[in-house]
């Protein structure tokens, strides 16, 4: 009997890469995103390409997270990938409070609630993997996005430790710049970022999956981001704060 994996933000970018990888691994899929038409298109592709069962779960996690929670509570989920997210091309002082709340709802509240729903069933049967798509931004001070991703990373580490006596693993995936639609959809201009800093989505997802199966707590794909993480860890915090704000400026 095939096991089921649930991926949020599954129609494009990293979420689509995870959906394809998990289907290739033999998992049946539940895919979530806001756009039902795109979900059905991806579901048809996954079924025909990999021969797996695929259910679509259209929901805007900013306002309909409970819909996904309810699904989890009534189905056995072996793998949960919290991937849904977005970015704002405005600073905290320029953005609307509604946009700031949406950042928290999608990037913080949703993964927290979905983990709270799925981890008890995983612990009870003593198996499961949760992958939370965070960011190397979690290690710097780059505004609301960094703050949200810092929550995801620290919560993942905490739950990873809590699950150590079991066969359940919680992993924080902390990629850098990835070739997806993320920055384009946010209206961010990324021309100032050197080519060598960009990662391929399939590469980082394959690395994250391997790290999750090895029981790791954090996955940082790409030598360039391992070096960056080491520099951040050693640099004085005022320097790290300046680095974060410089990066935000380049993105515009």
C-alpha atoms as a PDB file:
ATOM      1  CA  UNK A   1       0.000   0.000   0.000  1.00  0.00           C
ATOM      2  CA  UNK A   2       1.474   3.319  -1.072  1.00  0.00           C
ATOM      3  CA  UNK A   3       1.960   6.071   1.470  1.00  0.00           C
ATOM      4  CA  UNK A   4       0.707   9.632   1.081  1.00  0.00           C
ATOM      5  CA  UNK A   5       2.625  12.917   1.001  1.00  0.00           C
ATOM      6  CA  UNK A   6       1.094  16.395   1.254  1.00  0.00           C
ATOM      7  CA  UNK A   7       2.855  19.352  -0.396  1.00  0.00           C
ATOM      8  CA  UNK A   8       1.712  22.961  -0.022  1.00  0.00           C
ATOM      9  CA  UNK A   9       2.431  25.492  -2.747  1.00  0.00           C
ATOM     10  CA  UNK A  10       2.794  22.517  -5.073  1.00  0.00           C
ATOM     11  CA  UNK A  11       2.108  23.965  -8.536  1.00  0.00           C
ATOM     12  CA  UNK A  12       5.353  25.865  -9.143  1.00  0.00           C
ATOM     13  CA  UNK A  13       8.954  26.171  -7.999  1.00  0.00           C
ATOM     14  CA  UNK A  14      10.244  24.194  -5.047  1.00  0.00           C
ATOM     15  CA  UNK A  15       6.793  22.759  -4.313  1.00  0.00           C
ATOM     16  CA  UNK A  16       6.495  21.360  -7.822  1.00  0.00           C
ATOM     17  CA  UNK A  17      10.010  19.888  -7.516  1.00  0.00           C
ATOM     18  CA  UNK A  18       9.009  18.154  -4.272  1.00  0.00           C
ATOM     19  CA  UNK A  19       5.806  16.827  -5.813  1.00  0.00           C
ATOM     20  CA  UNK A  20       7.713  15.301  -8.727  1.00  0.00           C
ATOM     21  CA  UNK A  21      10.429  13.835  -6.488  1.00  0.00           C
ATOM     22  CA  UNK A  22       7.937  12.259  -4.085  1.00  0.00           C
ATOM     23  CA  UNK A  23       5.878  10.856  -6.956  1.00  0.00           C
ATOM     24  CA  UNK A  24       9.056   9.347  -8.414  1.00  0.00           C
ATOM     25  CA  UNK A  25       9.714   7.828  -4.974  1.00  0.00           C
ATOM     26  CA  UNK A  26       6.321   6.132  -5.167  1.00  0.00           C
ATOM     27  CA  UNK A  27       4.264   8.323  -2.861  1.00  0.00           C
ATOM     28  CA  UNK A  28       0.651   9.150  -3.591  1.00  0.00           C
ATOM     29  CA  UNK A  29       0.173  12.904  -3.376  1.00  0.00           C
ATOM     30  CA  UNK A  30      -2.083  15.542  -1.929  1.00  0.00           C
ATOM     31  CA  UNK A  31      -1.155  18.844  -3.564  1.00  0.00           C
ATOM     32  CA  UNK A  32      -2.222  22.243  -2.274  1.00  0.00           C
ATOM     33  CA  UNK A  33      -2.189  25.716  -3.803  1.00  0.00           C
ATOM     34  CA  UNK A  34      -4.655  28.563  -4.306  1.00  0.00           C
ATOM     35  CA  UNK A  35      -5.341  28.017  -8.005  1.00  0.00           C
ATOM     36  CA  UNK A  36      -7.587  24.981  -8.571  1.00  0.00           C
ATOM     37  CA  UNK A  37      -7.044  24.994 -12.336  1.00  0.00           C
ATOM     38  CA  UNK A  38      -3.260  24.799 -11.995  1.00  0.00           C
ATOM     39  CA  UNK A  39      -3.605  22.124  -9.326  1.00  0.00           C
ATOM     40  CA  UNK A  40      -5.673  19.945 -11.626  1.00  0.00           C
ATOM     41  CA  UNK A  41      -3.169  20.434 -14.461  1.00  0.00           C
ATOM     42  CA  UNK A  42      -0.291  19.345 -12.224  1.00  0.00           C
ATOM     43  CA  UNK A  43      -2.328  16.436 -10.859  1.00  0.00           C
ATOM     44  CA  UNK A  44      -2.987  15.147 -14.378  1.00  0.00           C
ATOM     45  CA  UNK A  45       0.718  15.415 -15.195  1.00  0.00           C
ATOM     46  CA  UNK A  46       1.787  13.592 -12.027  1.00  0.00           C
ATOM     47  CA  UNK A  47      -0.727  10.794 -12.519  1.00  0.00           C
ATOM     48  CA  UNK A  48       0.195  10.212 -16.146  1.00  0.00           C
ATOM     49  CA  UNK A  49       3.951  10.526 -15.630  1.00  0.00           C
ATOM     50  CA  UNK A  50       4.451   8.589 -12.398  1.00  0.00           C
ATOM     51  CA  UNK A  51       1.363   6.398 -12.092  1.00  0.00           C
ATOM     52  CA  UNK A  52       0.475   7.636  -8.606  1.00  0.00           C
ATOM     53  CA  UNK A  53      -2.796   8.748  -7.061  1.00  0.00           C
ATOM     54  CA  UNK A  54      -3.107  12.511  -6.690  1.00  0.00           C
ATOM     55  CA  UNK A  55      -5.715  14.482  -4.764  1.00  0.00           C
ATOM     56  CA  UNK A  56      -6.030  18.249  -5.133  1.00  0.00           C
ATOM     57  CA  UNK A  57      -6.670  20.473  -2.147  1.00  0.00           C
ATOM     58  CA  UNK A  58      -7.217  24.066  -3.286  1.00  0.00           C
ATOM     59  CA  UNK A  59      -6.918  26.494  -0.363  1.00  0.00           C
ATOM     60  CA  UNK A  60      -5.397  29.875   0.367  1.00  0.00           C
ATOM     61  CA  UNK A  61      -3.402  29.145   3.512  1.00  0.00           C
ATOM     62  CA  UNK A  62      -3.728  32.756   4.642  1.00  0.00           C
ATOM     63  CA  UNK A  63      -7.456  32.279   5.233  1.00  0.00           C
ATOM     64  CA  UNK A  64      -8.231  28.580   4.669  1.00  0.00           C
ATOM     65  CA  UNK A  65      -5.516  26.774   6.608  1.00  0.00           C
ATOM     66  CA  UNK A  66      -8.166  24.978   8.641  1.00  0.00           C
ATOM     67  CA  UNK A  67      -9.308  23.214   5.453  1.00  0.00           C
ATOM     68  CA  UNK A  68      -5.905  21.555   5.123  1.00  0.00           C
ATOM     69  CA  UNK A  69      -5.743  20.814   8.852  1.00  0.00           C
ATOM     70  CA  UNK A  70      -9.098  19.034   8.638  1.00  0.00           C
ATOM     71  CA  UNK A  71      -7.834  16.924   5.753  1.00  0.00           C
ATOM     72  CA  UNK A  72      -4.743  15.927   7.751  1.00  0.00           C
ATOM     73  CA  UNK A  73      -6.856  15.003  10.773  1.00  0.00           C
ATOM     74  CA  UNK A  74      -8.854  12.491   8.723  1.00  0.00           C
ATOM     75  CA  UNK A  75      -6.074  11.026   6.554  1.00  0.00           C
ATOM     76  CA  UNK A  76      -2.745   9.329   7.202  1.00  0.00           C
ATOM     77  CA  UNK A  77       0.065  11.561   5.959  1.00  0.00           C
ATOM     78  CA  UNK A  78       3.569  10.090   5.863  1.00  0.00           C
ATOM     79  CA  UNK A  79       5.343  13.172   4.469  1.00  0.00           C
ATOM     80  CA  UNK A  80       4.385  16.829   4.927  1.00  0.00           C
ATOM     81  CA  UNK A  81       6.206  19.522   2.955  1.00  0.00           C
ATOM     82  CA  UNK A  82       5.401  23.032   4.171  1.00  0.00           C
ATOM     83  CA  UNK A  83       6.461  24.999   1.122  1.00  0.00           C
ATOM     84  CA  UNK A  84       3.788  27.642   0.413  1.00  0.00           C
ATOM     85  CA  UNK A  85       5.141  31.161   0.634  1.00  0.00           C
ATOM     86  CA  UNK A  86       5.574  34.551  -0.962  1.00  0.00           C
ATOM     87  CA  UNK A  87       7.635  37.707  -0.569  1.00  0.00           C
ATOM     88  CA  UNK A  88       6.916  41.423  -0.367  1.00  0.00           C
ATOM     89  CA  UNK A  89       8.881  43.963  -2.362  1.00  0.00           C
ATOM     90  CA  UNK A  90       8.431  46.573   0.370  1.00  0.00           C
ATOM     91  CA  UNK A  91      10.008  47.304   3.705  1.00  0.00           C
ATOM     92  CA  UNK A  92       8.077  46.974   6.954  1.00  0.00           C
ATOM     93  CA  UNK A  93       7.568  50.746   7.099  1.00  0.00           C
ATOM     94  CA  UNK A  94       6.188  50.903   3.555  1.00  0.00           C
ATOM     95  CA  UNK A  95       3.944  47.835   3.427  1.00  0.00           C
ATOM     96  CA  UNK A  96       0.349  47.629   4.573  1.00  0.00           C
ATOM     97  CA  UNK A  97      -0.514  45.935   7.842  1.00  0.00           C
ATOM     98  CA  UNK A  98      -2.741  43.556   5.856  1.00  0.00           C
ATOM     99  CA  UNK A  99       0.266  42.389   3.794  1.00  0.00           C
ATOM    100  CA  UNK A 100       2.358  41.988   6.946  1.00  0.00           C
ATOM    101  CA  UNK A 101      -0.340  39.845   8.515  1.00  0.00           C
ATOM    102  CA  UNK A 102      -0.553  37.748   5.353  1.00  0.00           C
ATOM    103  CA  UNK A 103       3.213  37.109   5.582  1.00  0.00           C
ATOM    104  CA  UNK A 104       2.721  35.760   9.094  1.00  0.00           C
ATOM    105  CA  UNK A 105      -0.376  33.761   8.148  1.00  0.00           C
ATOM    106  CA  UNK A 106       1.275  31.948   5.221  1.00  0.00           C
ATOM    107  CA  UNK A 107       4.915  31.707   6.310  1.00  0.00           C
ATOM    108  CA  UNK A 108       4.451  31.185  10.067  1.00  0.00           C
ATOM    109  CA  UNK A 109       0.886  30.368  11.107  1.00  0.00           C
ATOM    110  CA  UNK A 110       0.183  27.819   8.362  1.00  0.00           C
ATOM    111  CA  UNK A 111       3.270  25.607   8.808  1.00  0.00           C
ATOM    112  CA  UNK A 112       2.856  25.783  12.589  1.00  0.00           C
ATOM    113  CA  UNK A 113      -0.779  24.641  12.417  1.00  0.00           C
ATOM    114  CA  UNK A 114      -0.115  21.905   9.860  1.00  0.00           C
ATOM    115  CA  UNK A 115       2.765  20.529  11.922  1.00  0.00           C
ATOM    116  CA  UNK A 116       0.567  20.630  15.013  1.00  0.00           C
ATOM    117  CA  UNK A 117      -2.013  18.592  13.108  1.00  0.00           C
ATOM    118  CA  UNK A 118       0.296  15.990  11.577  1.00  0.00           C
ATOM    119  CA  UNK A 119       3.001  15.313  14.176  1.00  0.00           C
ATOM    120  CA  UNK A 120       0.768  13.556  16.745  1.00  0.00           C
ATOM    121  CA  UNK A 121      -0.312  10.957  14.140  1.00  0.00           C
ATOM    122  CA  UNK A 122       3.289  10.529  12.989  1.00  0.00           C
ATOM    123  CA  UNK A 123       4.477  10.011  16.560  1.00  0.00           C
ATOM    124  CA  UNK A 124       1.660   7.560  17.275  1.00  0.00           C
ATOM    125  CA  UNK A 125       2.611   5.287  14.355  1.00  0.00           C
ATOM    126  CA  UNK A 126       6.345   6.071  14.826  1.00  0.00           C
ATOM    127  CA  UNK A 127       7.049   7.149  11.254  1.00  0.00           C
ATOM    128  CA  UNK A 128       6.967  10.286   9.151  1.00  0.00           C
ATOM    129  CA  UNK A 129       8.917  13.201   7.705  1.00  0.00           C
ATOM    130  CA  UNK A 130       8.160  16.913   7.864  1.00  0.00           C
ATOM    131  CA  UNK A 131      10.151  19.254   5.635  1.00  0.00           C
ATOM    132  CA  UNK A 132       9.712  22.960   6.251  1.00  0.00           C
ATOM    133  CA  UNK A 133      10.977  25.152   3.434  1.00  0.00           C
ATOM    134  CA  UNK A 134      12.760  27.976   5.214  1.00  0.00           C
ATOM    135  CA  UNK A 135      15.611  30.108   3.813  1.00  0.00           C
ATOM    136  CA  UNK A 136      19.163  31.245   4.437  1.00  0.00           C
ATOM    137  CA  UNK A 137      17.391  34.553   5.123  1.00  0.00           C
ATOM    138  CA  UNK A 138      16.583  33.016   8.517  1.00  0.00           C
ATOM    139  CA  UNK A 139      20.214  33.510   9.510  1.00  0.00           C
ATOM    140  CA  UNK A 140      20.353  37.245   8.736  1.00  0.00           C
ATOM    141  CA  UNK A 141      18.191  40.262   9.586  1.00  0.00           C
ATOM    142  CA  UNK A 142      16.430  41.054   6.325  1.00  0.00           C
ATOM    143  CA  UNK A 143      13.043  42.319   7.487  1.00  0.00           C
ATOM    144  CA  UNK A 144       9.757  40.456   7.795  1.00  0.00           C
ATOM    145  CA  UNK A 145      10.813  37.590   5.519  1.00  0.00           C
ATOM    146  CA  UNK A 146      13.907  36.825   7.605  1.00  0.00           C
ATOM    147  CA  UNK A 147      11.866  37.043  10.801  1.00  0.00           C
ATOM    148  CA  UNK A 148       9.245  34.626   9.480  1.00  0.00           C
ATOM    149  CA  UNK A 149      11.834  32.149   8.226  1.00  0.00           C
ATOM    150  CA  UNK A 150      13.747  32.352  11.512  1.00  0.00           C
ATOM    151  CA  UNK A 151      10.600  31.107  13.244  1.00  0.00           C
ATOM    152  CA  UNK A 152      10.302  28.219  10.792  1.00  0.00           C
ATOM    153  CA  UNK A 153      13.948  27.205  11.237  1.00  0.00           C
ATOM    154  CA  UNK A 154      13.996  27.417  15.041  1.00  0.00           C
ATOM    155  CA  UNK A 155      10.649  25.642  15.393  1.00  0.00           C
ATOM    156  CA  UNK A 156      11.878  22.896  13.064  1.00  0.00           C
ATOM    157  CA  UNK A 157      15.046  22.439  15.124  1.00  0.00           C
ATOM    158  CA  UNK A 158      13.043  22.292  18.335  1.00  0.00           C
ATOM    159  CA  UNK A 159      10.603  19.701  16.982  1.00  0.00           C
ATOM    160  CA  UNK A 160      13.476  17.723  15.460  1.00  0.00           C
ATOM    161  CA  UNK A 161      14.965  17.399  18.937  1.00  0.00           C
ATOM    162  CA  UNK A 162      11.604  16.492  20.440  1.00  0.00           C
ATOM    163  CA  UNK A 163      11.133  13.726  17.876  1.00  0.00           C
ATOM    164  CA  UNK A 164      14.604  12.198  18.333  1.00  0.00           C
ATOM    165  CA  UNK A 165      13.316   9.242  20.417  1.00  0.00           C
ATOM    166  CA  UNK A 166      11.018   8.322  17.498  1.00  0.00           C
ATOM    167  CA  UNK A 167      11.332   7.507  13.786  1.00  0.00           C
ATOM    168  CA  UNK A 168       9.822  10.884  12.892  1.00  0.00           C
ATOM    169  CA  UNK A 169      12.095  13.566  11.463  1.00  0.00           C
ATOM    170  CA  UNK A 170      11.514  17.303  11.139  1.00  0.00           C
ATOM    171  CA  UNK A 171      13.863  19.125   8.767  1.00  0.00           C
ATOM    172  CA  UNK A 172      14.354  22.795   7.970  1.00  0.00           C
ATOM    173  CA  UNK A 173      15.377  23.331   4.342  1.00  0.00           C
ATOM    174  CA  UNK A 174      17.329  26.597   4.123  1.00  0.00           C
ATOM    175  CA  UNK A 175      18.083  27.361   0.463  1.00  0.00           C
ATOM    176  CA  UNK A 176      19.448  30.555  -1.000  1.00  0.00           C
ATOM    177  CA  UNK A 177      18.417  32.007  -4.343  1.00  0.00           C
ATOM    178  CA  UNK A 178      16.577  29.440  -6.445  1.00  0.00           C
ATOM    179  CA  UNK A 179      15.509  29.575 -10.091  1.00  0.00           C
ATOM    180  CA  UNK A 180      11.731  29.733  -9.548  1.00  0.00           C
ATOM    181  CA  UNK A 181       8.902  32.230 -10.072  1.00  0.00           C
ATOM    182  CA  UNK A 182       9.170  33.425  -6.469  1.00  0.00           C
ATOM    183  CA  UNK A 183      11.064  36.671  -7.039  1.00  0.00           C
ATOM    184  CA  UNK A 184       9.217  37.534 -10.240  1.00  0.00           C
ATOM    185  CA  UNK A 185       5.843  37.162  -8.520  1.00  0.00           C
ATOM    186  CA  UNK A 186       7.051  39.450  -5.724  1.00  0.00           C
ATOM    187  CA  UNK A 187       8.274  42.072  -8.207  1.00  0.00           C
ATOM    188  CA  UNK A 188      11.859  41.771  -6.995  1.00  0.00           C
ATOM    189  CA  UNK A 189      14.693  42.738  -9.332  1.00  0.00           C
ATOM    190  CA  UNK A 190      17.421  40.139  -8.934  1.00  0.00           C
ATOM    191  CA  UNK A 191      19.933  41.253 -11.571  1.00  0.00           C
ATOM    192  CA  UNK A 192      22.519  42.201  -8.936  1.00  0.00           C
ATOM    193  CA  UNK A 193      22.803  38.613  -7.682  1.00  0.00           C
ATOM    194  CA  UNK A 194      25.807  36.772  -9.237  1.00  0.00           C
ATOM    195  CA  UNK A 195      25.024  33.697 -11.311  1.00  0.00           C
ATOM    196  CA  UNK A 196      26.999  31.355  -9.049  1.00  0.00           C
ATOM    197  CA  UNK A 197      24.625  32.142  -6.160  1.00  0.00           C
ATOM    198  CA  UNK A 198      21.612  30.659  -7.949  1.00  0.00           C
ATOM    199  CA  UNK A 199      20.531  27.071  -7.275  1.00  0.00           C
ATOM    200  CA  UNK A 200      18.511  24.600  -9.323  1.00  0.00           C
ATOM    201  CA  UNK A 201      15.239  23.573  -7.691  1.00  0.00           C
ATOM    202  CA  UNK A 202      15.544  19.859  -8.427  1.00  0.00           C
ATOM    203  CA  UNK A 203      19.090  19.816  -7.034  1.00  0.00           C
ATOM    204  CA  UNK A 204      18.154  21.371  -3.707  1.00  0.00           C
ATOM    205  CA  UNK A 205      15.009  19.262  -3.286  1.00  0.00           C
ATOM    206  CA  UNK A 206      16.965  16.052  -3.922  1.00  0.00           C
ATOM    207  CA  UNK A 207      19.549  17.152  -1.334  1.00  0.00           C
ATOM    208  CA  UNK A 208      16.855  18.062   1.205  1.00  0.00           C
ATOM    209  CA  UNK A 209      15.123  14.705   0.765  1.00  0.00           C
ATOM    210  CA  UNK A 210      18.401  12.847   1.261  1.00  0.00           C
ATOM    211  CA  UNK A 211      19.134  14.890   4.397  1.00  0.00           C
ATOM    212  CA  UNK A 212      15.635  14.273   5.767  1.00  0.00           C
ATOM    213  CA  UNK A 213      16.006  10.514   5.337  1.00  0.00           C
ATOM    214  CA  UNK A 214      19.375  10.700   7.122  1.00  0.00           C
ATOM    215  CA  UNK A 215      17.674  12.321  10.112  1.00  0.00           C
ATOM    216  CA  UNK A 216      19.287  15.741   9.796  1.00  0.00           C
ATOM    217  CA  UNK A 217      17.732  18.852  11.343  1.00  0.00           C
ATOM    218  CA  UNK A 218      18.830  21.447   8.770  1.00  0.00           C
ATOM    219  CA  UNK A 219      19.603  21.141   5.069  1.00  0.00           C
ATOM    220  CA  UNK A 220      21.624  23.878   3.356  1.00  0.00           C
ATOM    221  CA  UNK A 221      22.118  22.849  -0.286  1.00  0.00           C
ATOM    222  CA  UNK A 222      25.015  24.359  -2.205  1.00  0.00           C
ATOM    223  CA  UNK A 223      28.605  24.962  -1.152  1.00  0.00           C
ATOM    224  CA  UNK A 224      28.125  28.718  -1.533  1.00  0.00           C
ATOM    225  CA  UNK A 225      25.428  28.807   1.130  1.00  0.00           C
ATOM    226  CA  UNK A 226      27.347  26.570   3.502  1.00  0.00           C
ATOM    227  CA  UNK A 227      30.201  29.099   3.246  1.00  0.00           C
ATOM    228  CA  UNK A 228      27.767  31.988   3.734  1.00  0.00           C
ATOM    229  CA  UNK A 229      26.267  30.305   6.806  1.00  0.00           C
ATOM    230  CA  UNK A 230      29.740  29.889   8.298  1.00  0.00           C
ATOM    231  CA  UNK A 231      30.561  33.558   7.665  1.00  0.00           C
ATOM    232  CA  UNK A 232      27.276  34.655   9.251  1.00  0.00           C
ATOM    233  CA  UNK A 233      27.969  32.502  12.314  1.00  0.00           C
ATOM    234  CA  UNK A 234      31.380  34.109  12.816  1.00  0.00           C
ATOM    235  CA  UNK A 235      30.596  37.710  11.840  1.00  0.00           C
ATOM    236  CA  UNK A 236      29.684  40.352  14.447  1.00  0.00           C
ATOM    237  CA  UNK A 237      25.914  40.730  14.650  1.00  0.00           C
ATOM    238  CA  UNK A 238      25.960  44.420  13.540  1.00  0.00           C
ATOM    239  CA  UNK A 239      27.673  43.272  10.335  1.00  0.00           C
ATOM    240  CA  UNK A 240      25.031  40.580   9.836  1.00  0.00           C
ATOM    241  CA  UNK A 241      22.280  43.161  10.267  1.00  0.00           C
ATOM    242  CA  UNK A 242      23.858  45.405   7.636  1.00  0.00           C
ATOM    243  CA  UNK A 243      24.226  42.421   5.321  1.00  0.00           C
ATOM    244  CA  UNK A 244      20.522  41.717   5.612  1.00  0.00           C
ATOM    245  CA  UNK A 245      19.467  45.253   4.764  1.00  0.00           C
ATOM    246  CA  UNK A 246      21.946  45.468   1.875  1.00  0.00           C
ATOM    247  CA  UNK A 247      20.455  42.308   0.422  1.00  0.00           C
ATOM    248  CA  UNK A 248      16.940  43.734   0.642  1.00  0.00           C
ATOM    249  CA  UNK A 249      18.114  46.831  -1.254  1.00  0.00           C
ATOM    250  CA  UNK A 250      19.638  44.713  -4.044  1.00  0.00           C
ATOM    251  CA  UNK A 251      16.384  42.792  -4.438  1.00  0.00           C
ATOM    252  CA  UNK A 252      14.585  45.964  -5.459  1.00  0.00           C
END
